[in-house]
Amino acid sequence: MRVAIDPVRFVREVRSEAAKVTWPSRKETLVTTGLVVAMATVAAIFFFIIDQIIGVGVRALFGVAG
């Protein structure tokens, strides 16, 4: 079975589908980006604190001076 390749039709269909996309506004994009950065920062701080607590526990368990 052979499929015909029609670049003009393909481009037309891509443009048609792209027109259907609901793009976020500038404000929505900035708010969402801010939330992602904030949550990544909170997660990084949380895991840093947990890592430090676990490190202190391991050092105490094995008697290694830190």
C-alpha atoms as a PDB file:
ATOM      1  CA  MET A   1       0.000   0.000   0.000  1.00  0.00           C
ATOM      2  CA  ARG A   2       1.466   3.324  -1.060  1.00  0.00           C
ATOM      3  CA  VAL A   3       0.538   6.600   0.624  1.00  0.00           C
ATOM      4  CA  ALA A   4       0.610   9.745  -1.495  1.00  0.00           C
ATOM      5  CA  ILE A   5       2.597  12.627  -0.020  1.00  0.00           C
ATOM      6  CA  ASP A   6       1.089  16.061  -0.622  1.00  0.00           C
ATOM      7  CA  PRO A   7       3.120  18.781   1.145  1.00  0.00           C
ATOM      8  CA  VAL A   8       0.662  21.536   0.257  1.00  0.00           C
ATOM      9  CA  ARG A   9      -2.239  19.627   1.806  1.00  0.00           C
ATOM     10  CA  PHE A  10      -0.143  18.829   4.864  1.00  0.00           C
ATOM     11  CA  VAL A  11       0.740  22.493   5.442  1.00  0.00           C
ATOM     12  CA  ARG A  12      -2.900  23.496   4.940  1.00  0.00           C
ATOM     13  CA  GLU A  13      -4.038  20.926   7.535  1.00  0.00           C
ATOM     14  CA  VAL A  14      -1.355  21.985  10.006  1.00  0.00           C
ATOM     15  CA  ARG A  15      -2.405  25.632   9.721  1.00  0.00           C
ATOM     16  CA  SER A  16      -6.043  24.616  10.156  1.00  0.00           C
ATOM     17  CA  GLU A  17      -5.265  22.633  13.318  1.00  0.00           C
ATOM     18  CA  ALA A  18      -3.016  25.385  14.720  1.00  0.00           C
ATOM     19  CA  ALA A  19      -5.885  27.859  14.330  1.00  0.00           C
ATOM     20  CA  LYS A  20      -8.006  25.673  16.649  1.00  0.00           C
ATOM     21  CA  VAL A  21      -5.506  25.881  19.505  1.00  0.00           C
ATOM     22  CA  THR A  22      -6.490  28.080  22.436  1.00  0.00           C
ATOM     23  CA  TRP A  23      -3.337  29.978  23.305  1.00  0.00           C
ATOM     24  CA  PRO A  24      -2.915  31.341  26.860  1.00  0.00           C
ATOM     25  CA  SER A  25      -2.789  35.071  27.397  1.00  0.00           C
ATOM     26  CA  ARG A  26       0.397  36.812  28.473  1.00  0.00           C
ATOM     27  CA  LYS A  27      -0.971  37.177  32.009  1.00  0.00           C
ATOM     28  CA  GLU A  28      -1.864  33.464  32.245  1.00  0.00           C
ATOM     29  CA  THR A  29       1.589  32.522  31.011  1.00  0.00           C
ATOM     30  CA  LEU A  30       3.330  34.779  33.539  1.00  0.00           C
ATOM     31  CA  VAL A  31       1.167  33.560  36.442  1.00  0.00           C
ATOM     32  CA  THR A  32       1.710  29.911  35.540  1.00  0.00           C
ATOM     33  CA  THR A  33       5.460  30.444  35.135  1.00  0.00           C
ATOM     34  CA  GLY A  34       5.609  32.178  38.514  1.00  0.00           C
ATOM     35  CA  LEU A  35       3.771  29.300  40.174  1.00  0.00           C
ATOM     36  CA  VAL A  36       6.106  26.735  38.610  1.00  0.00           C
ATOM     37  CA  VAL A  37       9.191  28.662  39.768  1.00  0.00           C
ATOM     38  CA  ALA A  38       7.726  29.071  43.265  1.00  0.00           C
ATOM     39  CA  MET A  39       6.823  25.383  43.603  1.00  0.00           C
ATOM     40  CA  ALA A  40      10.251  24.307  42.318  1.00  0.00           C
ATOM     41  CA  THR A  41      11.873  26.589  44.906  1.00  0.00           C
ATOM     42  CA  VAL A  42       9.697  25.213  47.719  1.00  0.00           C
ATOM     43  CA  ALA A  43      10.476  21.627  46.656  1.00  0.00           C
ATOM     44  CA  ALA A  44      14.221  22.381  46.494  1.00  0.00           C
ATOM     45  CA  ILE A  45      14.208  23.903  49.993  1.00  0.00           C
ATOM     46  CA  PHE A  46      12.142  21.006  51.354  1.00  0.00           C
ATOM     47  CA  PHE A  47      14.477  18.351  49.937  1.00  0.00           C
ATOM     48  CA  PHE A  48      17.554  20.292  51.085  1.00  0.00           C
ATOM     49  CA  ILE A  49      16.237  20.362  54.658  1.00  0.00           C
ATOM     50  CA  ILE A  50      15.305  16.660  54.581  1.00  0.00           C
ATOM     51  CA  ASP A  51      18.754  15.827  53.153  1.00  0.00           C
ATOM     52  CA  GLN A  52      20.445  17.749  55.943  1.00  0.00           C
ATOM     53  CA  ILE A  53      18.357  15.994  58.606  1.00  0.00           C
ATOM     54  CA  ILE A  54      19.110  12.565  57.137  1.00  0.00           C
ATOM     55  CA  GLY A  55      22.818  13.496  56.888  1.00  0.00           C
ATOM     56  CA  VAL A  56      22.935  14.467  60.553  1.00  0.00           C
ATOM     57  CA  GLY A  57      21.212  11.192  61.471  1.00  0.00           C
ATOM     58  CA  VAL A  58      23.639   9.082  59.409  1.00  0.00           C
ATOM     59  CA  ARG A  59      26.660  10.907  60.832  1.00  0.00           C
ATOM     60  CA  ALA A  60      25.342  10.373  64.369  1.00  0.00           C
ATOM     61  CA  LEU A  61      24.571   6.719  63.641  1.00  0.00           C
ATOM     62  CA  PHE A  62      28.060   5.984  62.338  1.00  0.00           C
ATOM     63  CA  GLY A  63      29.917   8.392  64.622  1.00  0.00           C
ATOM     64  CA  VAL A  64      31.459  10.391  61.781  1.00  0.00           C
ATOM     65  CA  ALA A  65      32.398  13.963  62.609  1.00  0.00           C
ATOM     66  CA  GLY A  66      30.880  16.380  60.115  1.00  0.00           C
END
